[in-house]
C-alpha cells in the first residue's frame, strides 16, 4: 500500500496523484476540479477556502486511504 503523511501543508495534487479515490472528499469541500488555480493549493488552504476544519478533513482523507 502507498504511504504518505498528510498534513495541512500537503499540496492537493500530491494527494490526488497517490490516492485518486480521495477526490470525492475534495468535491465535498468545494473543489469541483483540478485546475491551474488550485492544483498547488495545500489541504489547509482548501479547507480554509471551504470553511472546513483541516484536521478533521485530514482525518477523513486518512480513513478513505486506509480502506
Protein backbone atom coordinates (compact mmCIF):
# COMPACT_ATOMS: atom_id res chain seq x y z
CA UNK A 1 0.00 0.00 0.00
CA UNK A 2 1.16 3.51 -0.78
CA UNK A 3 2.08 5.64 2.20
CA UNK A 4 2.08 9.38 2.66
CA UNK A 5 1.94 11.54 5.75
CA UNK A 6 -0.87 14.03 5.25
CA UNK A 7 -0.63 17.49 6.77
CA UNK A 8 -2.23 20.88 6.26
CA UNK A 9 0.74 21.90 4.10
CA UNK A 10 0.44 18.90 1.75
CA UNK A 11 -0.49 20.05 -1.78
CA UNK A 12 -3.77 18.63 -3.04
CA UNK A 13 -2.16 17.49 -6.29
CA UNK A 14 0.23 15.20 -4.37
CA UNK A 15 -2.68 13.59 -2.52
CA UNK A 16 -4.66 13.06 -5.71
CA UNK A 17 -1.68 11.63 -7.60
CA UNK A 18 -1.15 8.98 -4.94
CA UNK A 19 -4.77 8.48 -3.86
CA UNK A 20 -7.22 9.46 -6.62
CA UNK A 21 -10.04 7.85 -4.62
CA UNK A 22 -9.92 10.90 -2.32
CA UNK A 23 -11.27 13.28 -4.97
CA UNK A 24 -14.92 12.97 -3.83
CA UNK A 25 -13.86 14.26 -0.40
CA UNK A 26 -12.29 17.31 -2.05
CA UNK A 27 -15.52 17.82 -4.02
CA UNK A 28 -17.44 17.88 -0.74
CA UNK A 29 -15.45 20.92 0.43
CA UNK A 30 -15.99 22.80 -2.83
CA UNK A 31 -13.19 21.64 -5.13
CA UNK A 32 -15.06 20.95 -8.37
CA UNK A 33 -12.00 20.20 -10.47
CA UNK A 34 -8.21 20.34 -10.51
CA UNK A 35 -7.13 23.49 -12.32
CA UNK A 36 -4.12 25.74 -12.66
CA UNK A 37 -5.67 27.90 -9.92
CA UNK A 38 -5.95 25.20 -7.26
CA UNK A 39 -3.64 22.34 -8.19
CA UNK A 40 -0.83 23.55 -5.93
CA UNK A 41 -3.12 24.66 -3.11
CA UNK A 42 -2.48 22.88 0.15
CA UNK A 43 -5.03 20.89 2.10
CA UNK A 44 -5.02 23.70 4.68
CA UNK A 45 -5.70 26.40 2.08
CA UNK A 46 -8.54 24.43 0.52
CA UNK A 47 -10.08 23.82 3.93
CA UNK A 48 -9.81 27.50 4.80
CA UNK A 49 -11.45 28.48 1.49
CA UNK A 50 -14.19 25.91 2.08
CA UNK A 51 -14.73 26.77 5.75
CA UNK A 52 -13.70 23.28 6.89
CA UNK A 53 -11.51 22.25 9.82
CA UNK A 54 -8.25 20.98 8.29
CA UNK A 55 -7.52 18.37 10.96
CA UNK A 56 -10.98 16.83 10.59
CA UNK A 57 -10.64 16.82 6.82
CA UNK A 58 -7.22 15.17 7.01
CA UNK A 59 -8.68 12.51 9.31
CA UNK A 60 -11.44 11.88 6.74
CA UNK A 61 -8.85 11.58 3.95
CA UNK A 62 -6.84 9.11 6.02
CA UNK A 63 -9.97 6.98 6.52
CA UNK A 64 -10.55 6.89 2.77
CA UNK A 65 -6.92 5.97 2.12
CA UNK A 66 -6.91 3.18 4.69
CA UNK A 67 -9.85 1.34 3.06
